[in-house]
Every structure is written in C-alpha cells, then in structure tokens.
Amino acid sequence: MKVNKLDSKVLLKNATIIDPLKESQSKADILLVEGKIAEIGKIQELDVIKTVDCSGLILTHGFCDLHVHFRDPGNGDKETLESGSMSALAGGFTRVCTMPNTQPTVDNPESINYIIEKSKPLPVHIHPIGSVTKGQQGVELSEMGLMHQAGAVAFSDDGLPIQNGLVMRKALEYSKMFGVPIINHAEDECLRADGLMNEGKVSTRLGLVGNPSIAESIMVFRDLKLAELTGAKLHIPHVSTAESVKYINEMKNAYDKITAEVTPHHLFYNDKHLENYNTNLKVAPPIRDSLSREALIKGIKNGTIDCIATDHAPHTVHEKETTFDLASCGLIGLESCFGVVKRILADEEGVSLIDIIKLLTISPRKIMGFDNNLLEIGKEAELVILDDEERWNFQEKNIESKSKNSPFINQDLSGRVKYTISNGQIATSS
C-alpha cells in the first residue's frame, strides 16, 4: 500500500457513486480541493493537478469500525496507533474506535487525551473508548464523566465481562447522562470456565474444553433487561450465538436503544474450521457452530444485527505459534474485512452491495453519533473506492498491521479496496 498526501486539487473521474445515506447510486465525478469535496457532477479537468480514473469502480463513504484494538499504550510490539491506522486504511476504514484494554488501561481523561493528541496527524480518525471500571477490574466505576468530556465516545471493559449486575446497572445509568453506549463483553465467566472453543461435537472430538453458547446468551439477556430498566444505550459486541440473536431481536421489538455488531470471522467460519487447531481462529467469543453462523447471517438480513465490526486484535508470533490451550485469543481483520463480507453476504447470501456498505458506514456511525452525510459539498473527504467484482487471494503481503495473526491468509475473497481517502491523504492498494 502506498500512502501520499492529497494534491491540492484531485479529480475522482467516472465513478459509480453509492450514497448509503440517501440510498442512491449515480455516475459522476468528484472534485477534491484541499482535501474537501468541492464539486460533484460532470467536471472538466482544466487545472486539476491529479486525476484518479474510477471507471468501473464504486465510490462511497469511508468505512467505520467501532471495535478495534490498537494496543497503544503499552504493547507497541503488537500494534501502535500509527500501524493500526495503516491497517485501517488498507481495509477502507477512515474512522475507528479503539478499545481500552491497553497497558495501562484507558480509564482516565489523561489516557483519552493521550490517544486523541497522538492520533491527530494520522490519516485515520481514531476515537478512544474508555473503560467502564477502573483497571477493568469490574468493581469501581471509572471517571466516565471526565473521560466523556475529554473525548471518549463510549465505555467498555471489552475483553473482560462485567460480571457484577449492579455495577453494570450503575454504568448504564451513568452513561445515560452522556447519551453514549455501554459495550459489555457478554460472557458469563463461570459458565465459560476454561473453555477454549465452542462447546459441541467438534470440541469433544478435538479433546478441547468447550465454551457453551449459553455463556454468551445469558449475559446478553441480562444486559438487555438492564438496558431496558435504566433507559440507557447498550451496544452488544461480537455477537456469536443463535440464542443471542433471538434475545436481541425480541428486545428490539420493545426497546429502541439496543444495537449489535457481528464480526467478519464469525460470519465466515464455523467450529469445524478449527479441526486443524489453527490458533488464529482462537477468538473470544469463540467461532460457533453452523447453526449459529446461519443465525448471524439471518440477523443481518432482518436488521437484528446493526453493523459489521472487525474486533481487530493483533498478537505477536509467539503468542499464536504455540499450543491451542496457551495461545492468545484474537485475530486481525481490518485489511480483509470488505473482501470477506462481500464474499459471504453478497456472493453467497444475496445481500445487496448497498446494504453491505450500510453495515460498514452509516450504521456504525449512527451508533457512535458520528456525522453520516459524507457526500456533501464542503465536507472533508472520507471516501473509499472499491472494485466490488475483483476476486483475489488474501496474502501476508496485503497486511499493514504489525501483527500477522489472520486466518484469512490464502483465502479467496471477493471485492477489494483500491483507494482510501482520509484526513488529507490517499492510500492506494498495491
């Protein structure tokens, strides 16, 4: 991937423009002046400094991921804000939200300010999520008000479930004051126990301790009821089970402040893919069985699931190249996201391209309260240009992250990001 500063005048010529907000599609040119949209329509090149030929390509909103781990501060060997932003650009993402399970935990306004200030020169807009509890210990609420004032867009102890129902209730009540969501890693630790993968026939055959689906769904149910009780916003991350989809769907019929996400890897894989003990598929929550995978796809189709989020979680080689029981949970997913989602949802399940784009753009932006009207004169350019027809094989060379823990290496994907324009810079895929 090559990243360059945008020229003062750039013409994006002959694009098929999909506007997911207006649900429209048109053929047009876009003129960028000093990184902002200056004109949309049929434009003469005249004194344009650079022209990008978008013939046969889709131009749309830059993608937004509300669930990434950039490991800064504390674990720069896995990822930094700088390397994470390159990874995001390669995947078409112009805006991301970083989880607070760093070292130290992002549980105070100083840490929020650190991420915001360090991110300013980067090509991707990075929004920190603050931790719900101090040190993610699940006991005492963190300085949520001061963190929100400093720029936190949501609160989560992601990676560590909030086991105490009273703490979760107080967090929801407090977050209601700021109108931002609580994001709880939904998992009952007692039911999960030492589970390493989805509990079922495959785990039994492989001799691995199982993590039952009820460990997630029972916590999802608790959180849904607490959100309804408090009147607060709840966002449910990385939904993985059929039961969770069922509970979310039922609650959405009664309460409208519930949102949920699903990851590309939970859509792509089922637990049978772990039969070779691939540690890159050891994730939390685990890859579930085919019935749950089908329920996730159905949940996207009927609107139960609101958006796609990668849960991009980089790890070092030694944390993954070990026995399955000792390997860390998590995989990277930014660079491969669109190709994975397009293959599964569009090519195999018949979901329209515009609906897929919504899952990656206006839906996550709406959850976080970001501006959704990006194709408007005067707006800073946050755009992605796609070849939705390209079939390609994902390789390690396509990874910009510091870490390489992707199960998608050597997988055939459908649809590819060609250019990403963000914060005055343009990234070109190699």
Protein backbone atom coordinates (compact mmCIF):
# COMPACT_ATOMS: atom_id res chain seq x y z
CA MET A 1 0.00 0.00 0.00
CA LYS A 2 1.20 3.48 -0.89
CA VAL A 3 0.07 6.48 1.15
CA ASN A 4 0.53 10.02 -0.15
CA LYS A 5 -0.63 13.49 0.78
CA LEU A 6 -3.53 14.59 -1.39
CA ASP A 7 -2.67 17.14 -4.06
CA SER A 8 -4.41 20.49 -3.71
CA LYS A 9 -6.85 19.54 -6.48
CA VAL A 10 -7.81 15.92 -7.16
CA LEU A 11 -10.46 14.78 -9.60
CA LEU A 12 -12.11 11.41 -8.99
CA LYS A 13 -13.32 10.69 -12.51
CA ASN A 14 -16.09 8.43 -13.83
CA ALA A 15 -17.05 6.86 -10.50
CA THR A 16 -20.18 4.92 -9.68
CA ILE A 17 -21.16 6.75 -6.52
CA ILE A 18 -23.18 4.88 -3.90
CA ASP A 19 -24.57 7.10 -1.16
CA PRO A 20 -25.70 4.77 1.65
CA LEU A 21 -27.43 7.62 3.49
CA LYS A 22 -29.66 8.58 0.56
CA GLU A 23 -29.76 5.01 -0.77
CA SER A 24 -28.82 6.31 -4.19
CA GLN A 25 -26.47 5.28 -6.99
CA SER A 26 -25.21 7.55 -9.78
CA LYS A 27 -22.37 8.08 -12.23
CA ALA A 28 -20.42 11.24 -11.52
CA ASP A 29 -17.08 12.90 -10.85
CA ILE A 30 -15.96 14.36 -7.53
CA LEU A 31 -13.52 17.25 -7.27
CA LEU A 32 -11.48 17.49 -4.08
CA VAL A 33 -9.87 20.82 -3.20
CA GLU A 34 -7.52 20.91 -0.21
CA GLY A 35 -8.93 17.58 0.96
CA LYS A 36 -12.58 18.66 0.87
CA ILE A 37 -15.40 17.86 -1.53
CA ALA A 38 -15.72 20.92 -3.79
CA GLU A 39 -17.96 19.65 -6.56
CA ILE A 40 -19.99 16.58 -7.55
CA GLY A 41 -21.19 16.05 -11.12
CA LYS A 42 -19.71 16.16 -14.61
CA ILE A 43 -16.46 18.04 -14.13
CA GLN A 44 -13.92 19.26 -16.69
CA GLU A 45 -10.31 18.53 -15.76
CA LEU A 46 -8.98 22.02 -16.60
CA ASP A 47 -6.40 22.95 -13.96
CA VAL A 48 -6.76 19.76 -11.90
CA ILE A 49 -3.38 18.60 -10.59
CA LYS A 50 -4.19 14.89 -10.32
CA THR A 51 -6.90 12.70 -11.79
CA VAL A 52 -7.87 9.28 -10.43
CA ASP A 53 -9.71 7.19 -13.00
CA CYS A 54 -12.57 5.44 -11.18
CA SER A 55 -14.10 3.81 -14.24
CA GLY A 56 -15.74 0.54 -13.25
CA LEU A 57 -15.23 1.29 -9.56
CA ILE A 58 -17.58 2.08 -6.66
CA LEU A 59 -17.04 5.28 -4.65
CA THR A 60 -18.73 5.52 -1.28
CA HIS A 61 -18.40 6.61 2.35
CA GLY A 62 -15.23 5.63 4.16
CA PHE A 63 -15.79 2.63 6.41
CA CYS A 64 -16.16 3.00 10.18
CA ASP A 65 -15.13 0.30 12.67
CA LEU A 66 -16.36 0.78 16.22
CA HIS A 67 -14.31 -2.10 17.66
CA VAL A 68 -10.53 -2.27 17.21
CA HIS A 69 -7.54 -2.90 19.47
CA PHE A 70 -4.51 -0.77 18.58
CA ARG A 71 -2.56 -1.78 21.74
CA ASP A 72 -1.37 1.75 22.47
CA PRO A 73 -0.32 2.47 25.17
CA GLY A 74 1.76 -0.46 26.35
CA ASN A 75 2.06 -3.08 23.61
CA GLY A 76 3.71 -1.40 20.66
CA ASP A 77 5.26 -4.70 19.59
CA LYS A 78 1.75 -5.86 18.59
CA GLU A 79 0.32 -2.62 17.18
CA THR A 80 0.59 1.13 17.53
CA LEU A 81 -1.79 3.91 16.63
CA GLU A 82 0.39 4.53 13.59
CA SER A 83 0.49 0.92 12.34
CA GLY A 84 -3.17 0.43 13.22
CA SER A 85 -4.12 3.43 11.09
CA MET A 86 -2.22 1.92 8.14
CA SER A 87 -4.06 -1.35 8.65
CA ALA A 88 -7.36 0.52 8.72
CA LEU A 89 -6.56 2.48 5.56
CA ALA A 90 -5.73 -0.73 3.71
CA GLY A 91 -9.18 -2.02 4.60
CA GLY A 92 -11.04 1.13 3.52
CA PHE A 93 -11.61 2.42 7.06
CA THR A 94 -11.39 6.16 7.65
CA ARG A 95 -12.67 6.14 11.23
CA VAL A 96 -12.19 3.64 14.07
CA CYS A 97 -12.94 3.34 17.78
CA THR A 98 -10.21 1.86 19.97
CA MET A 99 -10.93 -0.38 22.94
CA PRO A 100 -9.42 0.50 26.34
CA ASN A 101 -7.80 -2.84 27.31
CA THR A 102 -4.29 -1.48 26.96
CA GLN A 103 -1.40 -1.29 29.45
CA PRO A 104 -2.23 0.82 31.38
CA THR A 105 -5.98 0.71 30.93
CA VAL A 106 -7.64 3.72 29.33
CA ASP A 107 -9.67 4.55 32.43
CA ASN A 108 -8.98 8.28 32.95
CA PRO A 109 -9.21 11.51 30.96
CA GLU A 110 -5.43 11.77 30.61
CA SER A 111 -5.34 8.48 28.70
CA ILE A 112 -8.20 9.60 26.48
CA ASN A 113 -6.36 12.83 25.74
CA TYR A 114 -3.16 10.90 25.00
CA ILE A 115 -4.86 8.86 22.26
CA ILE A 116 -6.63 11.87 20.77
CA GLU A 117 -3.50 14.03 20.62
CA LYS A 118 -1.27 11.25 19.30
CA SER A 119 -3.83 10.42 16.60
CA LYS A 120 -4.22 13.93 15.19
CA PRO A 121 -1.53 13.66 12.46
CA LEU A 122 -2.60 10.15 11.43
CA PRO A 123 -4.63 9.51 8.26
CA VAL A 124 -7.45 7.73 10.09
CA HIS A 125 -9.76 9.37 12.63
CA ILE A 126 -9.27 7.49 15.91
CA HIS A 127 -11.84 7.72 18.71
CA PRO A 128 -10.98 6.26 22.12
CA ILE A 129 -13.45 4.19 24.13
CA GLY A 130 -12.95 4.48 27.89
CA SER A 131 -13.16 1.59 30.32
CA VAL A 132 -16.31 1.17 32.39
CA THR A 133 -14.44 0.24 35.56
CA LYS A 134 -11.08 1.23 36.99
CA GLY A 135 -8.37 -1.04 35.66
CA GLN A 136 -11.12 -3.15 34.10
CA GLN A 137 -11.48 -4.82 37.48
CA GLY A 138 -15.26 -4.83 37.30
CA VAL A 139 -15.66 -3.28 40.74
CA GLU A 140 -15.46 0.52 40.80
CA LEU A 141 -16.74 2.76 38.01
CA SER A 142 -14.06 4.76 36.22
CA GLU A 143 -14.09 8.54 35.69
CA MET A 144 -16.72 8.23 32.96
CA GLY A 145 -17.87 11.83 33.06
CA LEU A 146 -14.37 13.28 32.79
CA MET A 147 -13.44 10.77 30.07
CA HIS A 148 -16.51 11.69 28.05
CA GLN A 149 -15.65 15.35 28.44
CA ALA A 150 -12.13 14.56 27.17
CA GLY A 151 -13.49 12.77 24.08
CA ALA A 152 -14.45 9.18 24.94
CA VAL A 153 -17.23 8.08 22.58
CA ALA A 154 -18.41 5.04 24.58
CA PHE A 155 -17.45 2.86 27.54
CA SER A 156 -16.42 -0.79 27.63
CA ASP A 157 -14.35 -3.29 29.58
CA ASP A 158 -14.02 -5.31 26.37
CA GLY A 159 -12.05 -8.49 26.86
CA LEU A 160 -13.29 -8.69 30.44
CA PRO A 161 -17.03 -9.14 31.06
CA ILE A 162 -18.70 -7.02 33.73
CA GLN A 163 -19.87 -9.88 35.93
CA ASN A 164 -21.49 -7.82 38.68
CA GLY A 165 -25.03 -6.93 37.63
CA LEU A 166 -25.18 -3.95 39.99
CA VAL A 167 -22.00 -2.47 38.52
CA MET A 168 -23.45 -2.92 35.04
CA ARG A 169 -26.69 -1.24 36.08
CA LYS A 170 -24.84 1.74 37.54
CA ALA A 171 -22.69 2.03 34.43
CA LEU A 172 -25.78 2.12 32.22
CA GLU A 173 -27.44 4.71 34.44
CA TYR A 174 -24.35 6.88 34.43
CA SER A 175 -23.76 6.60 30.67
CA LYS A 176 -27.34 7.73 30.07
CA MET A 177 -26.30 11.19 31.25
CA PHE A 178 -23.97 11.45 28.25
CA GLY A 179 -26.07 9.64 25.66
CA VAL A 180 -23.32 7.16 24.79
CA PRO A 181 -23.48 3.35 24.76
CA ILE A 182 -22.09 0.84 27.19
CA ILE A 183 -20.39 -2.06 25.36
CA ASN A 184 -20.08 -5.16 27.51
CA HIS A 185 -18.14 -8.25 26.50
CA ALA A 186 -21.11 -10.55 27.05
CA GLU A 187 -19.85 -13.71 28.71
CA ASP A 188 -20.57 -15.44 31.99
CA GLU A 189 -17.09 -16.37 33.20
CA CYS A 190 -18.35 -19.17 35.43
CA LEU A 191 -20.16 -20.86 32.55
CA ARG A 192 -17.25 -20.26 30.21
CA ALA A 193 -14.84 -21.74 32.78
CA ASP A 194 -11.73 -22.93 30.94
CA GLY A 195 -13.46 -23.23 27.57
CA LEU A 196 -11.12 -22.93 24.60
CA MET A 197 -13.59 -23.19 21.71
CA ASN A 198 -17.30 -23.64 21.12
CA GLU A 199 -18.77 -26.46 23.16
CA GLY A 200 -20.15 -29.15 20.88
CA LYS A 201 -19.34 -32.23 18.86
CA VAL A 202 -16.22 -30.69 17.37
CA SER A 203 -14.72 -29.69 20.74
CA THR A 204 -15.39 -33.20 22.04
CA ARG A 205 -13.73 -34.76 19.01
CA LEU A 206 -10.70 -32.45 19.29
CA GLY A 207 -10.35 -33.01 23.02
CA LEU A 208 -10.62 -29.28 23.77
CA VAL A 209 -12.62 -27.86 26.68
CA GLY A 210 -15.81 -26.28 25.39
CA ASN A 211 -17.24 -22.80 25.92
CA PRO A 212 -21.05 -23.19 25.77
CA SER A 213 -23.14 -20.73 23.78
CA ILE A 214 -25.26 -20.04 26.87
CA ALA A 215 -22.24 -18.38 28.47
CA GLU A 216 -22.77 -15.54 26.00
CA SER A 217 -26.53 -15.53 25.59
CA ILE A 218 -27.34 -15.49 29.30
CA MET A 219 -25.18 -12.37 29.72
CA VAL A 220 -26.71 -10.77 26.64
CA PHE A 221 -30.16 -11.38 28.14
CA ARG A 222 -29.12 -9.81 31.45
CA ASP A 223 -27.68 -6.74 29.75
CA LEU A 224 -30.74 -6.29 27.56
CA LYS A 225 -33.03 -6.28 30.58
CA LEU A 226 -30.77 -3.87 32.47
CA ALA A 227 -30.70 -1.51 29.50
CA GLU A 228 -34.49 -1.59 29.33
CA LEU A 229 -34.71 -0.98 33.07
CA THR A 230 -32.35 2.01 33.01
CA GLY A 231 -33.37 3.50 29.67
CA ALA A 232 -29.73 3.59 28.57
CA LYS A 233 -27.98 2.77 25.30
CA LEU A 234 -26.49 -0.70 25.04
CA HIS A 235 -24.29 -1.94 22.21
CA ILE A 236 -23.63 -5.67 22.11
CA PRO A 237 -20.24 -6.55 20.58
CA HIS A 238 -19.19 -9.58 18.53
CA VAL A 239 -22.50 -11.48 18.75
CA SER A 240 -21.78 -15.15 18.09
CA THR A 241 -24.75 -17.32 19.08
CA ALA A 242 -28.22 -18.04 17.75
CA GLU A 243 -29.70 -17.51 21.21
CA SER A 244 -28.18 -14.04 21.47
CA VAL A 245 -29.65 -13.06 18.10
CA LYS A 246 -33.05 -14.28 19.30
CA TYR A 247 -32.91 -12.26 22.54
CA ILE A 248 -31.71 -9.11 20.75
CA ASN A 249 -34.47 -9.39 18.17
CA GLU A 250 -37.13 -9.79 20.84
CA MET A 251 -35.84 -6.84 22.87
CA LYS A 252 -35.62 -4.57 19.83
CA ASN A 253 -39.34 -5.03 19.35
CA ALA A 254 -39.90 -3.47 22.78
CA TYR A 255 -36.94 -1.13 23.27
CA ASP A 256 -35.17 1.02 20.68
CA LYS A 257 -31.80 1.77 22.31
CA ILE A 258 -30.22 -1.60 21.56
CA THR A 259 -27.62 -2.12 18.85
CA ALA A 260 -25.42 -5.08 17.98
CA GLU A 261 -22.44 -5.97 15.83
CA VAL A 262 -21.05 -9.11 14.24
CA THR A 263 -17.50 -9.79 13.06
CA PRO A 264 -16.41 -10.99 9.62
CA HIS A 265 -14.80 -14.07 11.15
CA HIS A 266 -17.99 -15.20 12.88
CA LEU A 267 -19.78 -14.86 9.53
CA PHE A 268 -17.11 -16.71 7.57
CA TYR A 269 -16.14 -19.64 9.80
CA ASN A 270 -17.81 -22.31 11.91
CA ASP A 271 -16.22 -24.52 14.57
CA LYS A 272 -15.38 -27.27 12.06
CA HIS A 273 -12.67 -24.97 10.69
CA LEU A 274 -10.77 -25.47 13.97
CA GLU A 275 -10.14 -29.15 13.25
CA ASN A 276 -6.50 -28.39 12.37
CA TYR A 277 -6.07 -26.50 15.67
CA ASN A 278 -5.46 -23.19 13.86
CA THR A 279 -4.66 -20.81 16.73
CA ASN A 280 -5.53 -17.82 14.52
CA LEU A 281 -9.12 -18.99 14.91
CA LYS A 282 -8.91 -18.94 18.69
CA VAL A 283 -11.03 -15.90 19.49
CA ALA A 284 -13.34 -14.64 22.21
CA PRO A 285 -16.20 -15.27 21.83
CA PRO A 286 -15.31 -18.49 20.02
CA ILE A 287 -16.23 -19.45 16.48
CA ARG A 288 -19.57 -21.20 16.89
CA ASP A 289 -21.35 -23.99 15.02
CA SER A 290 -23.05 -23.72 11.63
CA LEU A 291 -26.48 -23.07 13.15
CA SER A 292 -25.24 -20.01 14.99
CA ARG A 293 -23.40 -18.81 11.90
CA GLU A 294 -26.64 -19.08 9.91
CA ALA A 295 -28.49 -17.19 12.65
CA LEU A 296 -25.95 -14.35 12.45
CA ILE A 297 -26.47 -14.05 8.71
CA LYS A 298 -30.23 -14.10 9.17
CA GLY A 299 -29.85 -11.45 11.88
CA ILE A 300 -28.11 -9.18 9.40
CA LYS A 301 -30.76 -9.74 6.78
CA ASN A 302 -33.67 -8.94 9.12
CA GLY A 303 -31.99 -5.98 10.84
CA THR A 304 -31.36 -7.58 14.23
CA ILE A 305 -27.62 -7.06 13.73
CA ASP A 306 -26.84 -3.40 13.02
CA CYS A 307 -23.28 -3.35 11.78
CA ILE A 308 -20.03 -5.13 10.99
CA ALA A 309 -17.05 -4.60 13.33
CA THR A 310 -13.72 -6.37 12.93
CA ASP A 311 -12.59 -6.75 16.57
CA HIS A 312 -9.09 -6.29 15.09
CA ALA A 313 -6.88 -7.81 17.80
CA PRO A 314 -3.17 -8.05 16.95
CA HIS A 315 -0.87 -10.53 18.70
CA THR A 316 2.80 -11.38 18.38
CA VAL A 317 4.02 -14.55 16.68
CA HIS A 318 4.98 -16.27 19.93
CA GLU A 319 1.51 -15.63 21.39
CA LYS A 320 -0.08 -17.51 18.49
CA GLU A 321 2.50 -20.08 17.43
CA THR A 322 2.01 -22.29 20.45
CA THR A 323 -0.41 -24.98 21.62
CA PHE A 324 -4.09 -24.14 21.30
CA ASP A 325 -4.64 -24.01 25.07
CA LEU A 326 -1.82 -21.48 25.56
CA ALA A 327 -2.47 -19.29 22.51
CA SER A 328 -3.92 -15.80 22.99
CA CYS A 329 -7.43 -15.04 21.77
CA GLY A 330 -7.86 -12.71 18.83
CA LEU A 331 -7.17 -12.09 15.15
CA ILE A 332 -6.53 -9.13 12.87
CA GLY A 333 -9.31 -8.24 10.47
CA LEU A 334 -9.17 -4.72 9.04
CA GLU A 335 -7.40 -5.42 5.73
CA SER A 336 -9.53 -8.45 4.86
CA CYS A 337 -12.90 -7.18 6.08
CA PHE A 338 -14.59 -5.99 2.89
CA GLY A 339 -13.46 -8.98 0.82
CA VAL A 340 -14.71 -11.40 3.48
CA VAL A 341 -18.06 -9.69 3.99
CA LYS A 342 -18.69 -9.22 0.26
CA ARG A 343 -17.98 -12.90 -0.41
CA ILE A 344 -20.22 -14.23 2.36
CA LEU A 345 -23.10 -11.76 2.34
CA ALA A 346 -23.33 -10.71 -1.31
CA ASP A 347 -21.94 -13.60 -3.34
CA GLU A 348 -23.25 -16.43 -1.17
CA GLU A 349 -26.27 -14.93 0.61
CA GLY A 350 -27.62 -12.39 -1.89
CA VAL A 351 -27.36 -9.29 0.30
CA SER A 352 -27.19 -6.16 -1.85
CA LEU A 353 -23.96 -4.17 -2.10
CA ILE A 354 -25.61 -1.05 -0.75
CA ASP A 355 -26.81 -2.94 2.33
CA ILE A 356 -23.29 -4.24 2.92
CA ILE A 357 -21.95 -0.71 2.62
CA LYS A 358 -24.51 0.46 5.18
CA LEU A 359 -23.25 -2.16 7.63
CA LEU A 360 -19.76 -0.66 7.31
CA THR A 361 -20.63 3.05 7.12
CA ILE A 362 -23.81 4.76 8.25
CA SER A 363 -24.85 2.09 10.76
CA PRO A 364 -21.73 2.18 12.97
CA ARG A 365 -21.54 5.97 12.59
CA LYS A 366 -25.11 6.29 13.81
CA ILE A 367 -24.37 4.12 16.86
CA MET A 368 -21.46 6.38 17.84
CA GLY A 369 -23.16 9.64 16.90
CA PHE A 370 -20.77 10.49 14.04
CA ASP A 371 -21.70 12.60 11.01
CA ASN A 372 -23.42 10.42 8.41
CA ASN A 373 -23.70 12.84 5.48
CA LEU A 374 -20.27 12.44 3.89
CA LEU A 375 -21.11 13.04 0.22
CA GLU A 376 -21.83 16.73 0.60
CA ILE A 377 -20.09 19.84 -0.71
CA GLY A 378 -17.65 21.24 1.83
CA LYS A 379 -17.17 18.00 3.76
CA GLU A 380 -13.70 16.67 4.47
CA ALA A 381 -13.19 13.71 2.16
CA GLU A 382 -13.70 10.37 3.91
CA LEU A 383 -14.09 8.13 0.92
CA VAL A 384 -13.34 4.60 -0.21
CA ILE A 385 -13.10 3.45 -3.82
CA LEU A 386 -13.84 -0.25 -4.38
CA ASP A 387 -13.70 -2.86 -7.07
CA ASP A 388 -16.70 -4.89 -5.98
CA GLU A 389 -16.11 -7.53 -8.67
CA GLU A 390 -12.42 -8.31 -8.11
CA ARG A 391 -11.66 -11.82 -6.95
CA TRP A 392 -8.36 -12.03 -5.12
CA ASN A 393 -6.36 -14.20 -2.76
CA PHE A 394 -5.51 -12.58 0.56
CA GLN A 395 -1.80 -12.80 1.33
CA GLU A 396 0.50 -11.75 4.16
CA LYS A 397 1.86 -9.01 1.87
CA ASN A 398 -1.60 -7.39 2.00
CA ILE A 399 -1.29 -6.90 5.78
CA GLU A 400 -0.18 -3.48 7.04
CA SER A 401 -0.62 -4.34 10.71
CA LYS A 402 2.47 -5.06 12.81
CA SER A 403 0.92 -8.47 13.54
CA LYS A 404 0.10 -11.22 11.08
CA ASN A 405 -2.39 -13.33 13.07
CA SER A 406 -5.01 -13.64 10.34
CA PRO A 407 -6.88 -16.85 9.49
CA PHE A 408 -7.78 -15.31 6.11
CA ILE A 409 -4.28 -15.66 4.64
CA ASN A 410 -4.60 -17.75 1.43
CA GLN A 411 -8.39 -17.34 1.40
CA ASP A 412 -10.11 -16.29 -1.83
CA LEU A 413 -12.02 -13.05 -1.25
CA SER A 414 -14.48 -11.04 -3.32
CA GLY A 415 -14.35 -7.27 -3.66
CA ARG A 416 -11.29 -5.17 -2.96
CA VAL A 417 -10.47 -1.72 -1.66
CA LYS A 418 -8.49 0.20 -4.30
CA TYR A 419 -8.20 3.67 -2.74
CA THR A 420 -8.94 5.16 0.68
CA ILE A 421 -9.06 8.93 1.12
CA SER A 422 -8.95 10.30 4.66
CA ASN A 423 -7.58 13.26 6.58
CA GLY A 424 -5.91 14.79 3.54
CA GLN A 425 -4.18 11.58 2.45
CA ILE A 426 -4.81 8.92 -0.17
CA ALA A 427 -3.90 5.25 0.16
CA THR A 428 -3.53 3.09 -2.94
CA SER A 429 -3.62 -0.68 -2.74
CA SER A 430 -0.65 -2.50 -4.19
